[in-house]
Amino acid sequence: MIPLEVENRIARDFLHMYLPDEVQKALEEKLLPSCIWNDEEDIDEEELVRWAIEIIDKELRDKRFK
């Protein structure tokens, strides 16, 4: 089993290196307000993850990665 920290680092690198700029911008526009205007303990991380997955799925629906 891959350690969680390793998975997180892989995911973070993938997001920053391979997602198109328009997808990254859409993620930032949706997620940042919730992160900026709420205290860290009040942030619903599960909701943020759901939003991000929805945006990524929508934006990359018919695209493929090599």
N, C-alpha and C. Protein backbone atom coordinates (compact mmCIF):
# COMPACT_ATOMS: atom_id res chain seq x y z
N MET A 1 0.85 -1.17 0.00
CA MET A 1 0.00 0.00 0.00
C MET A 1 0.90 1.24 0.00
N ILE A 2 0.52 2.21 -0.83
CA ILE A 2 1.29 3.45 -0.93
C ILE A 2 0.95 4.34 0.27
N PRO A 3 1.94 4.87 0.97
CA PRO A 3 1.66 5.76 2.10
C PRO A 3 0.87 7.00 1.65
N LEU A 4 0.00 7.46 2.52
CA LEU A 4 -0.86 8.60 2.21
C LEU A 4 -0.06 9.83 1.81
N GLU A 5 1.03 10.11 2.49
CA GLU A 5 1.84 11.28 2.16
C GLU A 5 2.39 11.18 0.74
N VAL A 6 2.78 10.00 0.32
CA VAL A 6 3.28 9.80 -1.04
C VAL A 6 2.15 10.04 -2.05
N GLU A 7 0.97 9.50 -1.79
CA GLU A 7 -0.18 9.74 -2.66
C GLU A 7 -0.48 11.23 -2.77
N ASN A 8 -0.46 11.92 -1.64
CA ASN A 8 -0.74 13.36 -1.64
C ASN A 8 0.27 14.13 -2.46
N ARG A 9 1.53 13.77 -2.34
CA ARG A 9 2.58 14.46 -3.11
C ARG A 9 2.44 14.19 -4.60
N ILE A 10 2.10 12.96 -4.97
CA ILE A 10 1.88 12.63 -6.38
C ILE A 10 0.70 13.44 -6.92
N ALA A 11 -0.38 13.46 -6.18
CA ALA A 11 -1.57 14.20 -6.61
C ALA A 11 -1.27 15.69 -6.75
N ARG A 12 -0.56 16.25 -5.80
CA ARG A 12 -0.23 17.68 -5.84
C ARG A 12 0.63 17.99 -7.07
N ASP A 13 1.63 17.17 -7.31
CA ASP A 13 2.48 17.39 -8.49
C ASP A 13 1.67 17.25 -9.77
N PHE A 14 0.80 16.24 -9.84
CA PHE A 14 -0.02 16.05 -11.02
C PHE A 14 -0.90 17.27 -11.27
N LEU A 15 -1.55 17.76 -10.22
CA LEU A 15 -2.43 18.92 -10.37
C LEU A 15 -1.68 20.12 -10.94
N HIS A 16 -0.50 20.37 -10.43
CA HIS A 16 0.23 21.56 -10.85
C HIS A 16 0.93 21.40 -12.19
N MET A 17 1.29 20.19 -12.57
CA MET A 17 2.04 19.99 -13.80
C MET A 17 1.17 19.65 -15.00
N TYR A 18 0.07 18.94 -14.80
CA TYR A 18 -0.65 18.38 -15.94
C TYR A 18 -2.05 18.94 -16.17
N LEU A 19 -2.65 19.53 -15.17
CA LEU A 19 -3.97 20.09 -15.41
C LEU A 19 -3.84 21.34 -16.27
N PRO A 20 -4.70 21.48 -17.27
CA PRO A 20 -4.68 22.69 -18.07
C PRO A 20 -4.95 23.93 -17.19
N ASP A 21 -4.42 25.05 -17.62
CA ASP A 21 -4.57 26.29 -16.86
C ASP A 21 -6.03 26.63 -16.58
N GLU A 22 -6.91 26.39 -17.55
CA GLU A 22 -8.32 26.74 -17.36
C GLU A 22 -8.96 25.89 -16.27
N VAL A 23 -8.51 24.66 -16.11
CA VAL A 23 -9.04 23.80 -15.05
C VAL A 23 -8.52 24.27 -13.70
N GLN A 24 -7.24 24.59 -13.63
CA GLN A 24 -6.68 25.11 -12.38
C GLN A 24 -7.38 26.40 -11.98
N LYS A 25 -7.65 27.26 -12.95
CA LYS A 25 -8.34 28.53 -12.65
C LYS A 25 -9.76 28.27 -12.13
N ALA A 26 -10.46 27.33 -12.76
CA ALA A 26 -11.81 26.98 -12.30
C ALA A 26 -11.78 26.44 -10.87
N LEU A 27 -10.78 25.62 -10.56
CA LEU A 27 -10.65 25.10 -9.19
C LEU A 27 -10.40 26.22 -8.20
N GLU A 28 -9.48 27.11 -8.53
CA GLU A 28 -9.17 28.22 -7.63
C GLU A 28 -10.38 29.12 -7.40
N GLU A 29 -11.11 29.42 -8.48
CA GLU A 29 -12.28 30.29 -8.36
C GLU A 29 -13.35 29.69 -7.46
N LYS A 30 -13.51 28.38 -7.51
CA LYS A 30 -14.53 27.71 -6.69
C LYS A 30 -14.06 27.47 -5.25
N LEU A 31 -12.80 27.06 -5.07
CA LEU A 31 -12.35 26.61 -3.75
C LEU A 31 -11.77 27.73 -2.88
N LEU A 32 -11.06 28.67 -3.49
CA LEU A 32 -10.37 29.68 -2.68
C LEU A 32 -11.29 30.51 -1.78
N PRO A 33 -12.45 30.97 -2.27
CA PRO A 33 -13.29 31.76 -1.36
C PRO A 33 -13.64 31.02 -0.07
N SER A 34 -13.93 29.74 -0.17
CA SER A 34 -14.25 28.97 1.04
C SER A 34 -13.05 28.86 1.97
N CYS A 35 -11.86 28.81 1.39
CA CYS A 35 -10.65 28.69 2.20
C CYS A 35 -10.25 30.03 2.81
N ILE A 36 -10.47 31.10 2.09
CA ILE A 36 -10.06 32.43 2.55
C ILE A 36 -11.00 32.96 3.63
N TRP A 37 -12.30 32.78 3.45
CA TRP A 37 -13.27 33.43 4.32
C TRP A 37 -13.68 32.59 5.52
N ASN A 38 -13.14 31.39 5.65
CA ASN A 38 -13.47 30.54 6.79
C ASN A 38 -12.22 30.22 7.59
N ASP A 39 -12.40 30.06 8.89
CA ASP A 39 -11.29 29.59 9.71
C ASP A 39 -10.97 28.15 9.31
N GLU A 40 -9.72 27.77 9.47
CA GLU A 40 -9.28 26.45 9.01
C GLU A 40 -10.14 25.33 9.60
N GLU A 41 -10.52 25.44 10.86
CA GLU A 41 -11.31 24.38 11.48
C GLU A 41 -12.76 24.36 10.99
N ASP A 42 -13.20 25.44 10.31
CA ASP A 42 -14.56 25.51 9.78
C ASP A 42 -14.66 25.08 8.33
N ILE A 43 -13.54 24.80 7.71
CA ILE A 43 -13.54 24.41 6.30
C ILE A 43 -14.00 22.96 6.17
N ASP A 44 -14.97 22.74 5.32
CA ASP A 44 -15.47 21.39 5.06
C ASP A 44 -14.63 20.78 3.94
N GLU A 45 -13.60 20.05 4.33
CA GLU A 45 -12.66 19.49 3.35
C GLU A 45 -13.34 18.51 2.42
N GLU A 46 -14.29 17.74 2.91
CA GLU A 46 -15.01 16.78 2.07
C GLU A 46 -15.76 17.50 0.96
N GLU A 47 -16.39 18.62 1.30
CA GLU A 47 -17.12 19.40 0.31
C GLU A 47 -16.16 19.97 -0.74
N LEU A 48 -15.00 20.47 -0.30
CA LEU A 48 -14.01 21.01 -1.23
C LEU A 48 -13.54 19.93 -2.20
N VAL A 49 -13.31 18.74 -1.69
CA VAL A 49 -12.87 17.63 -2.54
C VAL A 49 -13.97 17.28 -3.55
N ARG A 50 -15.22 17.23 -3.12
CA ARG A 50 -16.33 16.93 -4.03
C ARG A 50 -16.41 17.98 -5.14
N TRP A 51 -16.30 19.26 -4.76
CA TRP A 51 -16.35 20.34 -5.75
C TRP A 51 -15.22 20.19 -6.75
N ALA A 52 -14.02 19.92 -6.26
CA ALA A 52 -12.85 19.80 -7.13
C ALA A 52 -13.04 18.63 -8.11
N ILE A 53 -13.50 17.51 -7.62
CA ILE A 53 -13.70 16.35 -8.49
C ILE A 53 -14.76 16.65 -9.55
N GLU A 54 -15.83 17.32 -9.16
CA GLU A 54 -16.87 17.69 -10.12
C GLU A 54 -16.30 18.59 -11.22
N ILE A 55 -15.51 19.58 -10.83
CA ILE A 55 -14.92 20.50 -11.80
C ILE A 55 -13.96 19.76 -12.73
N ILE A 56 -13.08 18.94 -12.16
CA ILE A 56 -12.11 18.20 -12.97
C ILE A 56 -12.83 17.25 -13.92
N ASP A 57 -13.83 16.53 -13.43
CA ASP A 57 -14.60 15.62 -14.30
C ASP A 57 -15.25 16.37 -15.45
N LYS A 58 -15.87 17.49 -15.13
CA LYS A 58 -16.56 18.28 -16.16
C LYS A 58 -15.57 18.81 -17.19
N GLU A 59 -14.48 19.37 -16.73
CA GLU A 59 -13.51 20.01 -17.63
C GLU A 59 -12.71 19.00 -18.46
N LEU A 60 -12.48 17.82 -17.91
CA LEU A 60 -11.63 16.84 -18.59
C LEU A 60 -12.40 15.64 -19.14
N ARG A 61 -13.69 15.76 -19.21
CA ARG A 61 -14.55 14.63 -19.57
C ARG A 61 -14.04 13.84 -20.77
N ASP A 62 -13.72 14.49 -21.86
CA ASP A 62 -13.33 13.77 -23.08
C ASP A 62 -11.85 13.91 -23.40
N LYS A 63 -11.06 14.38 -22.45
CA LYS A 63 -9.64 14.55 -22.69
C LYS A 63 -8.87 13.37 -22.14
N ARG A 64 -7.73 13.09 -22.72
CA ARG A 64 -6.90 11.97 -22.27
C ARG A 64 -5.50 12.48 -21.95
N PHE A 65 -4.84 11.78 -21.04
CA PHE A 65 -3.46 12.10 -20.68
C PHE A 65 -2.56 11.00 -21.22
N LYS A 66 -1.39 11.38 -21.62
CA LYS A 66 -0.41 10.39 -22.09
C LYS A 66 0.45 9.94 -20.94
